[in-house]
Amino acid sequence: MSKIDPTARVADGAVIGEGTEVGPYCIIGPNVVIGRNCKLIGHVHVTAQTTVGDDCTIYPFASLGTPPQSLSYRGELTQLKIGSGCTIRESVTMNAGTVGGGGVTTVGERGYFMNCSHVGHDCHVGNDVIFATSATLGGHCEIGDFVFIGGLSAVHQFTRIGPQVMVGGVCGVRDDIIPFGLVNGQYAVLEGLNLIGMKRRKFTKQRLATVRGFYQKLFQGSGTFAERLEAVRPLAGDDPAIVEILDFIGKGKRPLCLPAIAK
């Protein structure tokens, strides 16, 4: 059975899963569903139509499902969905969605959100991400699986970050970042591929060489970026990583984060 501290306030209608502990002075709203075997350590605020998956640990002063920070918001009941196995550290904030943005903010499984990080309204965050201290997403961002965002970095609203990207610390991200990219700088520039992350995902030496060769032709060749992009399309072959990068570029509506020499 669940264990609820007598100082916690759990509203009628809230669902608390089997084995979950709700610590001192937590506030749980009436439309909240918290999964099994979670631990809300204390002073956690969960509101709106928020769903938290199983086996999550949430630290003091985290605020989940709070109203979207958007001038369009008129008090509608919107959603935040958090997957299983997440660790949400002190003072993390995750806002619910807006009606105009689809009405839901989603966070995948096994994410680690360090203290004071923020997920804005209508964002869609993948699995196995790490947000370092004070990493911040504006509204409507799309973040792929296995992304690492460094401390004090800020991502502009509507920006997409592809899977397995590493964003350095104190970095302003204004442009879309290709899958497997490594970006750094006060205003993010693409510095190469996240080779360490790719190795952790079991890329072979041959695959790494193939993707690196593609990257060099696309970002370090002669001519404009648009010309190089057209030139490499026939060379893509069937490597899933290269196909994923090309698909990501093709779907973009914002500028693409490029190396300084490619701009």
C-alpha atoms as a PDB file:
ATOM      1  CA  MET A   1       0.000   0.000   0.000  1.00  0.00           C
ATOM      2  CA  SER A   2       1.030   3.630  -0.392  1.00  0.00           C
ATOM      3  CA  LYS A   3       2.501   5.601   2.502  1.00  0.00           C
ATOM      4  CA  ILE A   4       1.354   9.208   2.896  1.00  0.00           C
ATOM      5  CA  ASP A   5       2.860  11.489   5.526  1.00  0.00           C
ATOM      6  CA  PRO A   6       0.192  13.087   7.744  1.00  0.00           C
ATOM      7  CA  THR A   7       1.410  16.577   6.807  1.00  0.00           C
ATOM      8  CA  ALA A   8       0.935  15.947   3.071  1.00  0.00           C
ATOM      9  CA  ARG A   9      -2.206  17.217   1.335  1.00  0.00           C
ATOM     10  CA  VAL A  10      -3.572  14.754  -1.199  1.00  0.00           C
ATOM     11  CA  ALA A  11      -6.770  15.986  -2.840  1.00  0.00           C
ATOM     12  CA  ASP A  12      -9.810  13.800  -3.324  1.00  0.00           C
ATOM     13  CA  GLY A  13      -9.616  12.225  -6.762  1.00  0.00           C
ATOM     14  CA  ALA A  14      -5.833  11.878  -6.834  1.00  0.00           C
ATOM     15  CA  VAL A  15      -4.544   8.355  -7.489  1.00  0.00           C
ATOM     16  CA  ILE A  16      -1.456   7.192  -5.588  1.00  0.00           C
ATOM     17  CA  GLY A  17       0.066   3.909  -6.747  1.00  0.00           C
ATOM     18  CA  GLU A  18       0.911   0.869  -4.668  1.00  0.00           C
ATOM     19  CA  GLY A  19       4.153   1.234  -2.724  1.00  0.00           C
ATOM     20  CA  THR A  20       4.495   4.963  -3.334  1.00  0.00           C
ATOM     21  CA  GLU A  21       5.699   7.218  -0.517  1.00  0.00           C
ATOM     22  CA  VAL A  22       4.410  10.786  -0.289  1.00  0.00           C
ATOM     23  CA  GLY A  23       6.646  12.681   2.111  1.00  0.00           C
ATOM     24  CA  PRO A  24       6.125  15.650   4.403  1.00  0.00           C
ATOM     25  CA  TYR A  25       4.277  18.712   3.130  1.00  0.00           C
ATOM     26  CA  CYS A  26       3.699  17.437  -0.392  1.00  0.00           C
ATOM     27  CA  ILE A  27       0.669  18.862  -2.224  1.00  0.00           C
ATOM     28  CA  ILE A  28      -1.051  16.596  -4.751  1.00  0.00           C
ATOM     29  CA  GLY A  29      -3.919  17.916  -6.865  1.00  0.00           C
ATOM     30  CA  PRO A  30      -7.235  16.173  -7.613  1.00  0.00           C
ATOM     31  CA  ASN A  31      -6.416  15.217 -11.216  1.00  0.00           C
ATOM     32  CA  VAL A  32      -2.997  13.721 -10.513  1.00  0.00           C
ATOM     33  CA  VAL A  33      -2.057  10.070 -11.049  1.00  0.00           C
ATOM     34  CA  ILE A  34       1.192   8.844  -9.494  1.00  0.00           C
ATOM     35  CA  GLY A  35       2.423   5.359 -10.353  1.00  0.00           C
ATOM     36  CA  ARG A  36       3.729   2.545  -8.206  1.00  0.00           C
ATOM     37  CA  ASN A  37       6.845   2.589  -6.034  1.00  0.00           C
ATOM     38  CA  CYS A  38       7.511   6.292  -6.424  1.00  0.00           C
ATOM     39  CA  LYS A  39       9.109   8.397  -3.728  1.00  0.00           C
ATOM     40  CA  LEU A  40       8.131  12.037  -3.212  1.00  0.00           C
ATOM     41  CA  ILE A  41      10.666  12.999  -0.590  1.00  0.00           C
ATOM     42  CA  GLY A  42       8.973  16.127   0.718  1.00  0.00           C
ATOM     43  CA  HIS A  43       7.612  19.562  -0.249  1.00  0.00           C
ATOM     44  CA  VAL A  44       6.743  18.323  -3.758  1.00  0.00           C
ATOM     45  CA  HIS A  45       3.899  20.056  -5.614  1.00  0.00           C
ATOM     46  CA  VAL A  46       2.054  18.118  -8.342  1.00  0.00           C
ATOM     47  CA  THR A  47      -0.948  19.701  -9.993  1.00  0.00           C
ATOM     48  CA  ALA A  48      -2.989  19.933 -13.234  1.00  0.00           C
ATOM     49  CA  GLN A  49      -3.745  16.678 -15.048  1.00  0.00           C
ATOM     50  CA  THR A  50      -0.330  15.203 -14.314  1.00  0.00           C
ATOM     51  CA  THR A  51       0.615  11.552 -14.653  1.00  0.00           C
ATOM     52  CA  VAL A  52       3.845  10.255 -13.114  1.00  0.00           C
ATOM     53  CA  GLY A  53       5.043   6.782 -14.108  1.00  0.00           C
ATOM     54  CA  ASP A  54       6.274   4.019 -11.815  1.00  0.00           C
ATOM     55  CA  ASP A  55       9.565   4.085  -9.895  1.00  0.00           C
ATOM     56  CA  CYS A  56      10.156   7.834 -10.007  1.00  0.00           C
ATOM     57  CA  THR A  57      11.983   9.736  -7.270  1.00  0.00           C
ATOM     58  CA  ILE A  58      11.060  13.395  -6.820  1.00  0.00           C
ATOM     59  CA  TYR A  59      13.048  15.670  -4.521  1.00  0.00           C
ATOM     60  CA  PRO A  60      11.959  18.659  -2.418  1.00  0.00           C
ATOM     61  CA  PHE A  61      10.468  21.765  -3.996  1.00  0.00           C
ATOM     62  CA  ALA A  62       9.945  20.219  -7.420  1.00  0.00           C
ATOM     63  CA  SER A  63       6.799  21.644  -9.062  1.00  0.00           C
ATOM     64  CA  LEU A  64       5.161  19.453 -11.686  1.00  0.00           C
ATOM     65  CA  GLY A  65       2.176  20.331 -13.864  1.00  0.00           C
ATOM     66  CA  THR A  66       2.164  23.992 -12.920  1.00  0.00           C
ATOM     67  CA  PRO A  67       0.431  26.373 -15.350  1.00  0.00           C
ATOM     68  CA  PRO A  68       2.184  27.064 -18.651  1.00  0.00           C
ATOM     69  CA  GLN A  69       4.116  30.316 -18.733  1.00  0.00           C
ATOM     70  CA  SER A  70       2.249  31.542 -21.789  1.00  0.00           C
ATOM     71  CA  LEU A  71       0.075  34.615 -22.249  1.00  0.00           C
ATOM     72  CA  SER A  72      -2.370  32.409 -24.159  1.00  0.00           C
ATOM     73  CA  TYR A  73      -3.216  30.383 -21.048  1.00  0.00           C
ATOM     74  CA  ARG A  74      -6.733  30.940 -19.721  1.00  0.00           C
ATOM     75  CA  GLY A  75      -6.858  28.433 -16.892  1.00  0.00           C
ATOM     76  CA  GLU A  76      -7.675  25.335 -18.961  1.00  0.00           C
ATOM     77  CA  LEU A  77      -6.961  21.912 -17.435  1.00  0.00           C
ATOM     78  CA  THR A  78      -4.029  20.615 -19.481  1.00  0.00           C
ATOM     79  CA  GLN A  79      -1.609  17.735 -19.074  1.00  0.00           C
ATOM     80  CA  LEU A  80       1.897  16.745 -18.064  1.00  0.00           C
ATOM     81  CA  LYS A  81       2.941  13.132 -18.623  1.00  0.00           C
ATOM     82  CA  ILE A  82       6.142  11.798 -17.043  1.00  0.00           C
ATOM     83  CA  GLY A  83       7.451   8.317 -17.823  1.00  0.00           C
ATOM     84  CA  SER A  84       8.708   5.651 -15.452  1.00  0.00           C
ATOM     85  CA  GLY A  85      12.056   5.604 -13.702  1.00  0.00           C
ATOM     86  CA  CYS A  86      12.735   9.347 -13.696  1.00  0.00           C
ATOM     87  CA  THR A  87      14.797  11.167 -11.101  1.00  0.00           C
ATOM     88  CA  ILE A  88      13.626  14.743 -10.565  1.00  0.00           C
ATOM     89  CA  ARG A  89      15.888  16.710  -8.265  1.00  0.00           C
ATOM     90  CA  GLU A  90      15.353  19.764  -6.093  1.00  0.00           C
ATOM     91  CA  SER A  91      13.405  22.745  -7.475  1.00  0.00           C
ATOM     92  CA  VAL A  92      12.828  21.259 -10.931  1.00  0.00           C
ATOM     93  CA  THR A  93       9.830  22.755 -12.740  1.00  0.00           C
ATOM     94  CA  MET A  94       7.795  21.087 -15.486  1.00  0.00           C
ATOM     95  CA  ASN A  95       4.819  22.989 -16.894  1.00  0.00           C
ATOM     96  CA  ALA A  96       1.610  21.540 -18.291  1.00  0.00           C
ATOM     97  CA  GLY A  97       0.749  22.160 -21.941  1.00  0.00           C
ATOM     98  CA  THR A  98      -1.359  24.818 -23.615  1.00  0.00           C
ATOM     99  CA  VAL A  99      -4.513  24.231 -25.630  1.00  0.00           C
ATOM    100  CA  GLY A 100      -2.909  25.830 -28.675  1.00  0.00           C
ATOM    101  CA  GLY A 101       0.192  23.649 -28.357  1.00  0.00           C
ATOM    102  CA  GLY A 102      -1.674  20.345 -28.111  1.00  0.00           C
ATOM    103  CA  GLY A 103      -2.509  20.497 -24.421  1.00  0.00           C
ATOM    104  CA  VAL A 104       0.222  18.175 -23.173  1.00  0.00           C
ATOM    105  CA  THR A 105       3.865  18.250 -22.129  1.00  0.00           C
ATOM    106  CA  THR A 106       5.571  14.845 -22.251  1.00  0.00           C
ATOM    107  CA  VAL A 107       8.706  13.533 -20.564  1.00  0.00           C
ATOM    108  CA  GLY A 108       9.990  10.050 -21.383  1.00  0.00           C
ATOM    109  CA  GLU A 109      11.368   7.291 -19.210  1.00  0.00           C
ATOM    110  CA  ARG A 110      14.530   7.164 -17.091  1.00  0.00           C
ATOM    111  CA  GLY A 111      15.310  10.865 -17.350  1.00  0.00           C
ATOM    112  CA  TYR A 112      17.593  12.524 -14.818  1.00  0.00           C
ATOM    113  CA  PHE A 113      16.713  16.161 -14.166  1.00  0.00           C
ATOM    114  CA  MET A 114      19.201  17.930 -11.919  1.00  0.00           C
ATOM    115  CA  ASN A 115      18.235  20.740  -9.582  1.00  0.00           C
ATOM    116  CA  CYS A 116      16.543  23.837 -10.989  1.00  0.00           C
ATOM    117  CA  SER A 117      16.173  22.455 -14.515  1.00  0.00           C
ATOM    118  CA  HIS A 118      13.006  23.427 -16.385  1.00  0.00           C
ATOM    119  CA  VAL A 119      10.751  21.826 -19.010  1.00  0.00           C
ATOM    120  CA  GLY A 120       8.470  24.397 -20.613  1.00  0.00           C
ATOM    121  CA  HIS A 121       4.919  23.960 -21.840  1.00  0.00           C
ATOM    122  CA  ASP A 122       4.189  21.656 -24.781  1.00  0.00           C
ATOM    123  CA  CYS A 123       7.723  20.249 -24.827  1.00  0.00           C
ATOM    124  CA  HIS A 124       8.274  16.626 -25.798  1.00  0.00           C
ATOM    125  CA  VAL A 125      11.312  15.094 -24.118  1.00  0.00           C
ATOM    126  CA  GLY A 126      12.573  11.612 -24.998  1.00  0.00           C
ATOM    127  CA  ASN A 127      13.910   8.718 -22.940  1.00  0.00           C
ATOM    128  CA  ASP A 128      17.191   8.509 -21.011  1.00  0.00           C
ATOM    129  CA  VAL A 129      17.939  12.226 -21.096  1.00  0.00           C
ATOM    130  CA  ILE A 130      20.103  14.118 -18.620  1.00  0.00           C
ATOM    131  CA  PHE A 131      19.436  17.767 -17.827  1.00  0.00           C
ATOM    132  CA  ALA A 132      22.260  19.233 -15.749  1.00  0.00           C
ATOM    133  CA  THR A 133      21.718  21.948 -13.163  1.00  0.00           C
ATOM    134  CA  SER A 134      19.543  24.823 -14.447  1.00  0.00           C
ATOM    135  CA  ALA A 135      19.229  23.444 -17.984  1.00  0.00           C
ATOM    136  CA  THR A 136      16.149  25.152 -19.405  1.00  0.00           C
ATOM    137  CA  LEU A 137      13.715  24.477 -22.252  1.00  0.00           C
ATOM    138  CA  GLY A 138      11.436  27.122 -23.704  1.00  0.00           C
ATOM    139  CA  GLY A 139       7.989  26.050 -24.847  1.00  0.00           C
ATOM    140  CA  HIS A 140       7.317  23.586 -27.674  1.00  0.00           C
ATOM    141  CA  CYS A 141      10.847  22.098 -27.781  1.00  0.00           C
ATOM    142  CA  GLU A 142      11.422  18.542 -29.026  1.00  0.00           C
ATOM    143  CA  ILE A 143      14.251  16.642 -27.350  1.00  0.00           C
ATOM    144  CA  GLY A 144      15.344  13.200 -28.580  1.00  0.00           C
ATOM    145  CA  ASP A 145      16.438  10.122 -26.640  1.00  0.00           C
ATOM    146  CA  PHE A 146      19.807  10.069 -24.814  1.00  0.00           C
ATOM    147  CA  VAL A 147      20.281  13.845 -25.025  1.00  0.00           C
ATOM    148  CA  PHE A 148      22.548  15.541 -22.488  1.00  0.00           C
ATOM    149  CA  ILE A 149      22.024  19.261 -21.836  1.00  0.00           C
ATOM    150  CA  GLY A 150      24.777  20.940 -19.841  1.00  0.00           C
ATOM    151  CA  GLY A 151      24.327  23.119 -16.805  1.00  0.00           C
ATOM    152  CA  LEU A 152      22.957  26.651 -17.234  1.00  0.00           C
ATOM    153  CA  SER A 153      22.181  26.004 -20.898  1.00  0.00           C
ATOM    154  CA  ALA A 154      18.997  27.424 -22.392  1.00  0.00           C
ATOM    155  CA  VAL A 155      17.085  26.127 -25.413  1.00  0.00           C
ATOM    156  CA  HIS A 156      14.944  28.536 -27.442  1.00  0.00           C
ATOM    157  CA  GLN A 157      11.240  27.772 -27.849  1.00  0.00           C
ATOM    158  CA  PHE A 158      10.263  25.522 -30.777  1.00  0.00           C
ATOM    159  CA  THR A 159      13.832  24.205 -31.106  1.00  0.00           C
ATOM    160  CA  ARG A 160      14.447  20.538 -31.931  1.00  0.00           C
ATOM    161  CA  ILE A 161      17.388  18.569 -30.559  1.00  0.00           C
ATOM    162  CA  GLY A 162      17.934  15.188 -32.191  1.00  0.00           C
ATOM    163  CA  PRO A 163      18.734  11.926 -30.389  1.00  0.00           C
ATOM    164  CA  GLN A 164      22.110  11.411 -28.705  1.00  0.00           C
ATOM    165  CA  VAL A 165      23.095  15.080 -28.814  1.00  0.00           C
ATOM    166  CA  MET A 166      25.428  16.570 -26.224  1.00  0.00           C
ATOM    167  CA  VAL A 167      24.999  20.265 -25.403  1.00  0.00           C
ATOM    168  CA  GLY A 168      27.830  21.876 -23.451  1.00  0.00           C
ATOM    169  CA  GLY A 169      27.369  24.009 -20.370  1.00  0.00           C
ATOM    170  CA  VAL A 170      26.350  27.692 -20.348  1.00  0.00           C
ATOM    171  CA  CYS A 171      25.197  27.345 -23.935  1.00  0.00           C
ATOM    172  CA  GLY A 172      22.428  29.240 -25.707  1.00  0.00           C
ATOM    173  CA  VAL A 173      20.712  26.992 -28.253  1.00  0.00           C
ATOM    174  CA  ARG A 174      18.745  28.914 -30.873  1.00  0.00           C
ATOM    175  CA  ASP A 175      18.872  26.486 -33.805  1.00  0.00           C
ATOM    176  CA  ASP A 176      17.932  22.836 -34.405  1.00  0.00           C
ATOM    177  CA  ILE A 177      20.720  20.341 -33.630  1.00  0.00           C
ATOM    178  CA  ILE A 178      21.183  17.255 -35.808  1.00  0.00           C
ATOM    179  CA  PRO A 179      21.072  13.790 -34.226  1.00  0.00           C
ATOM    180  CA  PHE A 180      24.424  12.742 -32.711  1.00  0.00           C
ATOM    181  CA  GLY A 181      25.671  16.346 -32.698  1.00  0.00           C
ATOM    182  CA  LEU A 182      28.078  17.896 -30.205  1.00  0.00           C
ATOM    183  CA  VAL A 183      27.515  21.616 -29.624  1.00  0.00           C
ATOM    184  CA  ASN A 184      29.210  24.184 -27.457  1.00  0.00           C
ATOM    185  CA  GLY A 185      29.759  27.906 -27.076  1.00  0.00           C
ATOM    186  CA  GLN A 186      27.894  30.864 -25.629  1.00  0.00           C
ATOM    187  CA  TYR A 187      25.741  30.739 -28.758  1.00  0.00           C
ATOM    188  CA  ALA A 188      25.752  27.097 -29.752  1.00  0.00           C
ATOM    189  CA  VAL A 189      27.829  25.994 -32.725  1.00  0.00           C
ATOM    190  CA  LEU A 190      28.196  22.444 -33.970  1.00  0.00           C
ATOM    191  CA  GLU A 191      31.646  21.153 -33.030  1.00  0.00           C
ATOM    192  CA  GLY A 192      31.359  17.612 -34.343  1.00  0.00           C
ATOM    193  CA  LEU A 193      29.700  14.328 -33.477  1.00  0.00           C
ATOM    194  CA  ASN A 194      29.015  13.009 -29.989  1.00  0.00           C
ATOM    195  CA  LEU A 195      31.406  10.108 -30.527  1.00  0.00           C
ATOM    196  CA  ILE A 196      31.516   9.076 -26.870  1.00  0.00           C
ATOM    197  CA  GLY A 197      27.738   8.831 -26.785  1.00  0.00           C
ATOM    198  CA  MET A 198      27.714   6.874 -30.039  1.00  0.00           C
ATOM    199  CA  LYS A 199      30.245   4.399 -28.657  1.00  0.00           C
ATOM    200  CA  ARG A 200      28.064   3.957 -25.582  1.00  0.00           C
ATOM    201  CA  ARG A 201      25.217   3.092 -27.938  1.00  0.00           C
ATOM    202  CA  LYS A 202      27.413   0.308 -29.403  1.00  0.00           C
ATOM    203  CA  PHE A 203      28.331   1.928 -32.722  1.00  0.00           C
ATOM    204  CA  THR A 204      31.056  -0.170 -34.361  1.00  0.00           C
ATOM    205  CA  LYS A 205      34.289   1.393 -35.637  1.00  0.00           C
ATOM    206  CA  GLN A 206      33.044   0.910 -39.187  1.00  0.00           C
ATOM    207  CA  ARG A 207      29.770   2.695 -38.491  1.00  0.00           C
ATOM    208  CA  LEU A 208      31.552   5.517 -36.714  1.00  0.00           C
ATOM    209  CA  ALA A 209      33.859   5.944 -39.703  1.00  0.00           C
ATOM    210  CA  THR A 210      30.896   5.952 -42.090  1.00  0.00           C
ATOM    211  CA  VAL A 211      28.971   8.583 -40.145  1.00  0.00           C
ATOM    212  CA  ARG A 212      32.085  10.723 -39.648  1.00  0.00           C
ATOM    213  CA  GLY A 213      32.796  10.627 -43.365  1.00  0.00           C
ATOM    214  CA  PHE A 214      29.242  11.731 -44.096  1.00  0.00           C
ATOM    215  CA  TYR A 215      29.529  14.507 -41.505  1.00  0.00           C
ATOM    216  CA  GLN A 216      32.765  15.807 -43.025  1.00  0.00           C
ATOM    217  CA  LYS A 217      31.304  15.904 -46.534  1.00  0.00           C
ATOM    218  CA  LEU A 218      28.180  17.680 -45.310  1.00  0.00           C
ATOM    219  CA  PHE A 219      29.721  20.222 -42.955  1.00  0.00           C
ATOM    220  CA  GLN A 220      33.351  20.616 -44.017  1.00  0.00           C
ATOM    221  CA  GLY A 221      33.267  20.422 -47.809  1.00  0.00           C
ATOM    222  CA  SER A 222      33.348  23.238 -50.352  1.00  0.00           C
ATOM    223  CA  GLY A 223      30.344  25.252 -51.517  1.00  0.00           C
ATOM    224  CA  THR A 224      27.300  26.341 -49.560  1.00  0.00           C
ATOM    225  CA  PHE A 225      25.579  24.110 -47.039  1.00  0.00           C
ATOM    226  CA  ALA A 226      22.573  23.739 -49.348  1.00  0.00           C
ATOM    227  CA  GLU A 227      24.858  22.589 -52.182  1.00  0.00           C
ATOM    228  CA  ARG A 228      26.651  20.096 -49.957  1.00  0.00           C
ATOM    229  CA  LEU A 229      23.347  18.754 -48.656  1.00  0.00           C
ATOM    230  CA  GLU A 230      22.172  17.957 -52.172  1.00  0.00           C
ATOM    231  CA  ALA A 231      25.538  16.403 -53.014  1.00  0.00           C
ATOM    232  CA  VAL A 232      25.555  13.976 -50.073  1.00  0.00           C
ATOM    233  CA  ARG A 233      21.986  12.729 -50.411  1.00  0.00           C
ATOM    234  CA  PRO A 234      22.859  10.035 -52.972  1.00  0.00           C
ATOM    235  CA  LEU A 235      25.780   8.927 -50.771  1.00  0.00           C
ATOM    236  CA  ALA A 236      23.682   8.316 -47.676  1.00  0.00           C
ATOM    237  CA  GLY A 237      23.156   4.610 -48.298  1.00  0.00           C
ATOM    238  CA  ASP A 238      21.112   2.750 -45.725  1.00  0.00           C
ATOM    239  CA  ASP A 239      22.983   3.592 -42.519  1.00  0.00           C
ATOM    240  CA  PRO A 240      20.223   4.354 -39.981  1.00  0.00           C
ATOM    241  CA  ALA A 241      22.162   7.197 -38.355  1.00  0.00           C
ATOM    242  CA  ILE A 242      22.728   8.991 -41.659  1.00  0.00           C
ATOM    243  CA  VAL A 243      19.129   8.462 -42.707  1.00  0.00           C
ATOM    244  CA  GLU A 244      18.025   9.866 -39.342  1.00  0.00           C
ATOM    245  CA  ILE A 245      20.185  12.974 -39.782  1.00  0.00           C
ATOM    246  CA  LEU A 246      18.850  13.634 -43.285  1.00  0.00           C
ATOM    247  CA  ASP A 247      15.248  13.094 -42.173  1.00  0.00           C
ATOM    248  CA  PHE A 248      15.788  15.472 -39.253  1.00  0.00           C
ATOM    249  CA  ILE A 249      17.165  18.175 -41.539  1.00  0.00           C
ATOM    250  CA  GLY A 250      14.314  17.689 -44.006  1.00  0.00           C
ATOM    251  CA  LYS A 251      11.647  18.216 -41.338  1.00  0.00           C
ATOM    252  CA  GLY A 252      13.140  21.384 -39.900  1.00  0.00           C
ATOM    253  CA  LYS A 253      11.308  24.701 -39.711  1.00  0.00           C
ATOM    254  CA  ARG A 254      13.992  26.567 -37.790  1.00  0.00           C
ATOM    255  CA  PRO A 255      17.588  27.295 -38.806  1.00  0.00           C
ATOM    256  CA  LEU A 256      20.064  24.458 -38.346  1.00  0.00           C
ATOM    257  CA  CYS A 257      22.947  24.676 -35.892  1.00  0.00           C
ATOM    258  CA  LEU A 258      26.109  24.587 -38.029  1.00  0.00           C
ATOM    259  CA  PRO A 259      29.862  24.620 -37.426  1.00  0.00           C
ATOM    260  CA  ALA A 260      31.312  28.113 -37.343  1.00  0.00           C
ATOM    261  CA  ILE A 261      33.196  27.449 -40.592  1.00  0.00           C
ATOM    262  CA  ALA A 262      30.017  26.273 -42.350  1.00  0.00           C
ATOM    263  CA  LYS A 263      27.869  29.315 -41.635  1.00  0.00           C
END
